[in-house]
């Protein structure tokens, strides 16, 4: 038997780390809502995200420090640990690709769904 080595194809994605300060803007960006839940004696805010095919409820909740990621497949929520294990900053070629991505992200942040 002979095996062949494969590499998983990378894909580009826009990602923003969730903070208390940007939570409302990110909810608008992804078409989600800011909600809250009680954990013991404290109230925790999160973004309820419409995620395609979530495996569990946690994958639809973006808390502070989590990452909200958009790619051609839609939005996904990553914990900080999972995000850093899966993604690295894309070093775009010195073309206009980087500026187009920034403009697209700015347009999405300013356009309610």
N, C-alpha and C. Protein backbone atom coordinates (compact mmCIF):
# COMPACT_ATOMS: atom_id res chain seq x y z
N UNK A 1 0.85 -1.18 0.00
CA UNK A 1 0.00 0.00 0.00
C UNK A 1 0.89 1.24 0.00
N UNK A 2 0.46 2.22 -0.76
CA UNK A 2 1.20 3.48 -0.83
C UNK A 2 0.27 4.61 -0.41
N UNK A 3 0.77 5.51 0.41
CA UNK A 3 -0.01 6.68 0.81
C UNK A 3 0.53 7.91 0.11
N UNK A 4 -0.29 8.91 0.05
CA UNK A 4 0.09 10.19 -0.52
C UNK A 4 -0.13 11.27 0.51
N UNK A 5 0.82 12.17 0.65
CA UNK A 5 0.68 13.27 1.61
C UNK A 5 -0.15 14.40 0.99
N UNK A 6 -1.05 14.95 1.80
CA UNK A 6 -1.88 16.08 1.40
C UNK A 6 -1.74 17.19 2.43
N UNK A 7 -1.96 18.38 1.98
CA UNK A 7 -1.99 19.52 2.89
C UNK A 7 -3.38 20.14 2.80
N UNK A 8 -3.92 20.52 3.91
CA UNK A 8 -5.24 21.16 3.91
C UNK A 8 -5.12 22.54 3.29
N UNK A 9 -6.03 22.84 2.38
CA UNK A 9 -6.00 24.13 1.71
C UNK A 9 -6.37 25.24 2.69
N UNK A 10 -5.57 26.28 2.70
CA UNK A 10 -5.92 27.41 3.56
C UNK A 10 -7.04 28.23 2.94
N UNK A 11 -7.70 29.00 3.75
CA UNK A 11 -8.72 29.92 3.24
C UNK A 11 -8.58 31.23 3.98
N UNK A 12 -8.97 32.30 3.32
CA UNK A 12 -8.91 33.62 3.94
C UNK A 12 -10.19 33.88 4.71
N UNK A 13 -10.06 34.55 5.83
CA UNK A 13 -11.22 34.88 6.65
C UNK A 13 -10.99 36.22 7.32
N UNK A 14 -12.06 36.97 7.51
CA UNK A 14 -12.00 38.20 8.31
C UNK A 14 -12.29 37.79 9.75
N UNK A 15 -11.50 38.27 10.69
CA UNK A 15 -11.70 37.89 12.09
C UNK A 15 -11.51 39.10 12.99
N UNK A 16 -12.33 39.17 14.04
CA UNK A 16 -12.24 40.24 15.03
C UNK A 16 -12.40 39.61 16.40
N UNK A 17 -11.52 39.96 17.33
CA UNK A 17 -11.65 39.45 18.69
C UNK A 17 -12.73 40.27 19.40
N UNK A 18 -13.63 39.58 20.07
CA UNK A 18 -14.75 40.21 20.77
C UNK A 18 -14.26 40.84 22.07
N UNK A 19 -14.68 42.08 22.30
CA UNK A 19 -14.41 42.77 23.56
C UNK A 19 -15.72 43.40 24.02
N UNK A 20 -15.74 43.83 25.26
CA UNK A 20 -16.93 44.52 25.77
C UNK A 20 -17.20 45.79 24.95
N UNK A 21 -16.14 46.43 24.48
CA UNK A 21 -16.28 47.68 23.74
C UNK A 21 -16.80 47.50 22.32
N UNK A 22 -16.47 46.39 21.64
CA UNK A 22 -16.89 46.24 20.24
C UNK A 22 -18.07 45.28 20.05
N UNK A 23 -18.60 44.77 21.13
CA UNK A 23 -19.64 43.75 21.06
C UNK A 23 -20.86 44.21 20.26
N UNK A 24 -21.34 45.42 20.49
CA UNK A 24 -22.52 45.93 19.78
C UNK A 24 -22.23 46.06 18.28
N UNK A 25 -21.06 46.58 17.92
CA UNK A 25 -20.70 46.72 16.50
C UNK A 25 -20.58 45.36 15.82
N UNK A 26 -20.00 44.39 16.52
CA UNK A 26 -19.85 43.05 15.94
C UNK A 26 -21.20 42.35 15.77
N UNK A 27 -22.12 42.61 16.69
CA UNK A 27 -23.46 42.03 16.56
C UNK A 27 -24.13 42.55 15.28
N UNK A 28 -23.95 43.83 15.00
CA UNK A 28 -24.49 44.40 13.76
C UNK A 28 -23.80 43.77 12.55
N UNK A 29 -22.48 43.63 12.63
CA UNK A 29 -21.70 43.08 11.52
C UNK A 29 -22.17 41.67 11.14
N UNK A 30 -22.42 40.83 12.15
CA UNK A 30 -22.77 39.44 11.85
C UNK A 30 -24.28 39.19 11.83
N UNK A 31 -25.07 40.24 12.05
CA UNK A 31 -26.52 40.07 12.06
C UNK A 31 -27.01 39.36 13.31
N UNK A 32 -26.22 39.40 14.37
CA UNK A 32 -26.58 38.75 15.63
C UNK A 32 -27.19 39.74 16.61
N UNK A 33 -27.34 39.29 17.84
CA UNK A 33 -27.88 40.13 18.91
C UNK A 33 -27.01 40.00 20.15
N UNK A 34 -26.91 41.09 20.91
CA UNK A 34 -26.20 41.04 22.19
C UNK A 34 -27.20 40.56 23.23
N UNK A 35 -26.84 39.49 23.92
CA UNK A 35 -27.71 38.91 24.94
C UNK A 35 -26.90 38.73 26.21
N UNK A 36 -27.55 38.29 27.26
CA UNK A 36 -26.84 38.06 28.51
C UNK A 36 -27.39 36.84 29.21
N UNK A 37 -26.55 36.25 30.05
CA UNK A 37 -26.95 35.10 30.85
C UNK A 37 -26.35 35.25 32.24
N UNK A 38 -26.96 34.61 33.20
CA UNK A 38 -26.48 34.67 34.57
C UNK A 38 -25.65 33.44 34.87
N UNK A 39 -24.47 33.68 35.39
CA UNK A 39 -23.57 32.60 35.82
C UNK A 39 -23.26 32.84 37.29
N UNK A 40 -23.90 32.08 38.13
CA UNK A 40 -23.73 32.31 39.57
C UNK A 40 -24.33 33.66 39.92
N UNK A 41 -23.50 34.54 40.46
CA UNK A 41 -23.97 35.88 40.86
C UNK A 41 -23.62 36.96 39.84
N UNK A 42 -23.05 36.58 38.71
CA UNK A 42 -22.69 37.61 37.73
C UNK A 42 -23.43 37.41 36.42
N UNK A 43 -23.59 38.52 35.71
CA UNK A 43 -24.24 38.52 34.41
C UNK A 43 -23.16 38.64 33.34
N UNK A 44 -23.23 37.78 32.34
CA UNK A 44 -22.24 37.74 31.27
C UNK A 44 -22.93 38.07 29.95
N UNK A 45 -22.36 39.02 29.20
CA UNK A 45 -22.89 39.39 27.88
C UNK A 45 -22.18 38.59 26.80
N UNK A 46 -22.91 38.33 25.72
CA UNK A 46 -22.34 37.62 24.57
C UNK A 46 -23.13 38.00 23.33
N UNK A 47 -22.57 37.67 22.16
CA UNK A 47 -23.27 37.87 20.90
C UNK A 47 -23.86 36.54 20.48
N UNK A 48 -25.15 36.52 20.24
CA UNK A 48 -25.81 35.32 19.70
C UNK A 48 -25.63 35.39 18.19
N UNK A 49 -24.89 34.43 17.63
CA UNK A 49 -24.50 34.44 16.22
C UNK A 49 -25.25 33.34 15.47
N UNK A 50 -25.75 33.67 14.29
CA UNK A 50 -26.39 32.68 13.43
C UNK A 50 -25.29 31.92 12.70
N UNK A 51 -24.95 30.75 13.22
CA UNK A 51 -23.86 29.93 12.69
C UNK A 51 -24.47 28.76 11.92
N UNK A 52 -23.90 28.47 10.75
CA UNK A 52 -24.37 27.32 9.98
C UNK A 52 -23.88 26.03 10.62
N UNK A 53 -24.78 25.11 10.85
CA UNK A 53 -24.47 23.78 11.37
C UNK A 53 -23.64 23.77 12.66
N UNK A 54 -24.07 24.50 13.70
CA UNK A 54 -23.32 24.43 14.95
C UNK A 54 -23.43 23.04 15.57
N UNK A 55 -22.35 22.58 16.17
CA UNK A 55 -22.35 21.27 16.81
C UNK A 55 -22.97 21.33 18.21
N UNK A 56 -22.95 22.52 18.81
CA UNK A 56 -23.55 22.71 20.13
C UNK A 56 -23.90 24.19 20.31
N UNK A 57 -24.61 24.50 21.37
CA UNK A 57 -25.06 25.87 21.63
C UNK A 57 -23.90 26.84 21.84
N UNK A 58 -22.80 26.36 22.41
CA UNK A 58 -21.64 27.23 22.67
C UNK A 58 -21.08 27.82 21.39
N UNK A 59 -21.18 27.09 20.29
CA UNK A 59 -20.65 27.58 19.01
C UNK A 59 -21.48 28.71 18.42
N UNK A 60 -22.59 29.06 19.06
CA UNK A 60 -23.42 30.18 18.60
C UNK A 60 -23.29 31.40 19.50
N UNK A 61 -22.42 31.33 20.50
CA UNK A 61 -22.26 32.42 21.48
C UNK A 61 -20.82 32.93 21.46
N UNK A 62 -20.66 34.23 21.15
CA UNK A 62 -19.34 34.85 21.13
C UNK A 62 -19.19 35.74 22.36
N UNK A 63 -18.40 35.28 23.32
CA UNK A 63 -18.14 36.03 24.54
C UNK A 63 -16.91 36.92 24.35
N UNK A 64 -16.69 37.85 25.29
CA UNK A 64 -15.46 38.64 25.26
C UNK A 64 -14.27 37.69 25.25
N UNK A 65 -13.27 38.00 24.46
CA UNK A 65 -12.04 37.25 24.24
C UNK A 65 -12.19 36.20 23.13
N UNK A 66 -13.43 35.76 22.82
CA UNK A 66 -13.63 34.87 21.67
C UNK A 66 -13.34 35.62 20.39
N UNK A 67 -13.30 34.89 19.29
CA UNK A 67 -13.08 35.47 17.97
C UNK A 67 -14.31 35.20 17.10
N UNK A 68 -14.76 36.22 16.39
CA UNK A 68 -15.85 36.10 15.42
C UNK A 68 -15.19 36.09 14.04
N UNK A 69 -15.41 35.03 13.28
CA UNK A 69 -14.72 34.82 12.01
C UNK A 69 -15.75 34.73 10.89
N UNK A 70 -15.49 35.45 9.79
CA UNK A 70 -16.34 35.39 8.61
C UNK A 70 -15.51 34.89 7.44
N UNK A 71 -16.01 33.87 6.77
CA UNK A 71 -15.40 33.40 5.53
C UNK A 71 -16.55 33.10 4.57
N UNK A 72 -16.23 32.57 3.42
CA UNK A 72 -17.27 32.33 2.42
C UNK A 72 -18.36 31.39 2.92
N UNK A 73 -18.08 30.60 3.93
CA UNK A 73 -19.07 29.69 4.48
C UNK A 73 -20.00 30.34 5.50
N UNK A 74 -19.72 31.58 5.91
CA UNK A 74 -20.54 32.28 6.89
C UNK A 74 -19.74 32.59 8.14
N UNK A 75 -20.45 32.86 9.23
CA UNK A 75 -19.81 33.23 10.49
C UNK A 75 -19.56 32.01 11.35
N UNK A 76 -18.47 32.08 12.13
CA UNK A 76 -18.15 31.04 13.11
C UNK A 76 -17.58 31.72 14.35
N UNK A 77 -17.75 31.07 15.48
CA UNK A 77 -17.22 31.55 16.75
C UNK A 77 -16.08 30.63 17.16
N UNK A 78 -14.94 31.21 17.54
CA UNK A 78 -13.81 30.45 18.02
C UNK A 78 -13.40 30.96 19.41
N UNK A 79 -13.09 30.05 20.31
CA UNK A 79 -12.47 30.49 21.56
C UNK A 79 -11.10 31.03 21.20
N UNK A 80 -10.50 31.81 22.09
CA UNK A 80 -9.18 32.37 21.83
C UNK A 80 -8.16 31.25 21.58
N UNK A 81 -8.22 30.21 22.37
CA UNK A 81 -7.27 29.10 22.23
C UNK A 81 -7.44 28.40 20.87
N UNK A 82 -8.67 28.09 20.48
CA UNK A 82 -8.92 27.43 19.20
C UNK A 82 -8.52 28.32 18.02
N UNK A 83 -8.83 29.62 18.12
CA UNK A 83 -8.47 30.54 17.05
C UNK A 83 -6.97 30.58 16.84
N UNK A 84 -6.22 30.72 17.93
CA UNK A 84 -4.76 30.82 17.81
C UNK A 84 -4.13 29.50 17.34
N UNK A 85 -4.79 28.39 17.58
CA UNK A 85 -4.29 27.11 17.09
C UNK A 85 -4.55 26.93 15.60
N UNK A 86 -5.60 27.58 15.08
CA UNK A 86 -6.01 27.38 13.69
C UNK A 86 -5.61 28.50 12.73
N UNK A 87 -5.41 29.70 13.22
CA UNK A 87 -5.20 30.85 12.34
C UNK A 87 -3.89 31.56 12.64
N UNK A 88 -3.36 32.17 11.60
CA UNK A 88 -2.25 33.09 11.76
C UNK A 88 -2.52 34.28 10.85
N UNK A 89 -1.91 35.40 11.14
CA UNK A 89 -2.15 36.61 10.37
C UNK A 89 -1.71 36.37 8.93
N UNK A 90 -2.54 36.77 8.00
CA UNK A 90 -2.25 36.62 6.58
C UNK A 90 -1.35 37.76 6.14
N UNK A 91 -0.21 37.42 5.59
CA UNK A 91 0.73 38.42 5.09
C UNK A 91 0.45 38.60 3.61
N UNK A 92 -0.47 39.53 3.31
CA UNK A 92 -0.92 39.74 1.94
C UNK A 92 0.22 40.21 1.05
N UNK A 93 0.20 39.76 -0.21
CA UNK A 93 1.17 40.28 -1.17
C UNK A 93 0.99 41.79 -1.29
N UNK A 94 1.99 42.45 -1.79
CA UNK A 94 1.94 43.92 -1.85
C UNK A 94 1.05 44.41 -2.99
N UNK A 95 -0.14 43.81 -3.10
CA UNK A 95 -1.13 44.24 -4.09
C UNK A 95 -2.23 44.98 -3.35
N UNK A 96 -3.34 45.24 -4.03
CA UNK A 96 -4.44 45.96 -3.40
C UNK A 96 -5.38 45.03 -2.64
N UNK A 97 -5.06 43.75 -2.54
CA UNK A 97 -5.92 42.79 -1.86
C UNK A 97 -6.18 43.23 -0.43
N UNK A 98 -5.15 43.62 0.29
CA UNK A 98 -5.32 44.04 1.68
C UNK A 98 -6.28 45.21 1.82
N UNK A 99 -6.16 46.20 0.96
CA UNK A 99 -7.05 47.36 1.03
C UNK A 99 -8.48 46.98 0.70
N UNK A 100 -8.67 46.08 -0.28
CA UNK A 100 -10.02 45.64 -0.63
C UNK A 100 -10.67 44.92 0.55
N UNK A 101 -9.91 44.11 1.25
CA UNK A 101 -10.44 43.39 2.41
C UNK A 101 -10.83 44.38 3.51
N UNK A 102 -9.98 45.37 3.76
CA UNK A 102 -10.29 46.37 4.78
C UNK A 102 -11.53 47.16 4.41
N UNK A 103 -11.66 47.53 3.15
CA UNK A 103 -12.83 48.28 2.71
C UNK A 103 -14.08 47.42 2.85
N UNK A 104 -14.00 46.15 2.49
CA UNK A 104 -15.14 45.24 2.64
C UNK A 104 -15.56 45.09 4.08
N UNK A 105 -14.60 44.98 4.99
CA UNK A 105 -14.91 44.86 6.41
C UNK A 105 -15.54 46.14 6.92
N UNK A 106 -15.00 47.29 6.53
CA UNK A 106 -15.58 48.56 6.96
C UNK A 106 -17.02 48.71 6.45
N UNK A 107 -17.27 48.30 5.21
CA UNK A 107 -18.62 48.37 4.65
C UNK A 107 -19.57 47.49 5.45
N UNK A 108 -19.13 46.27 5.82
CA UNK A 108 -19.97 45.36 6.59
C UNK A 108 -20.27 45.92 7.97
N UNK A 109 -19.28 46.55 8.59
CA UNK A 109 -19.49 47.11 9.92
C UNK A 109 -20.50 48.26 9.89
N UNK A 110 -20.58 48.95 8.77
CA UNK A 110 -21.47 50.10 8.65
C UNK A 110 -22.79 49.78 8.00
N UNK A 111 -23.02 48.54 7.60
CA UNK A 111 -24.25 48.15 6.93
C UNK A 111 -25.05 47.19 7.80
N UNK A 112 -26.17 47.63 8.38
CA UNK A 112 -26.98 46.70 9.18
C UNK A 112 -27.61 45.64 8.29
N UNK A 113 -27.75 44.45 8.87
CA UNK A 113 -28.37 43.35 8.11
C UNK A 113 -29.86 43.34 8.33
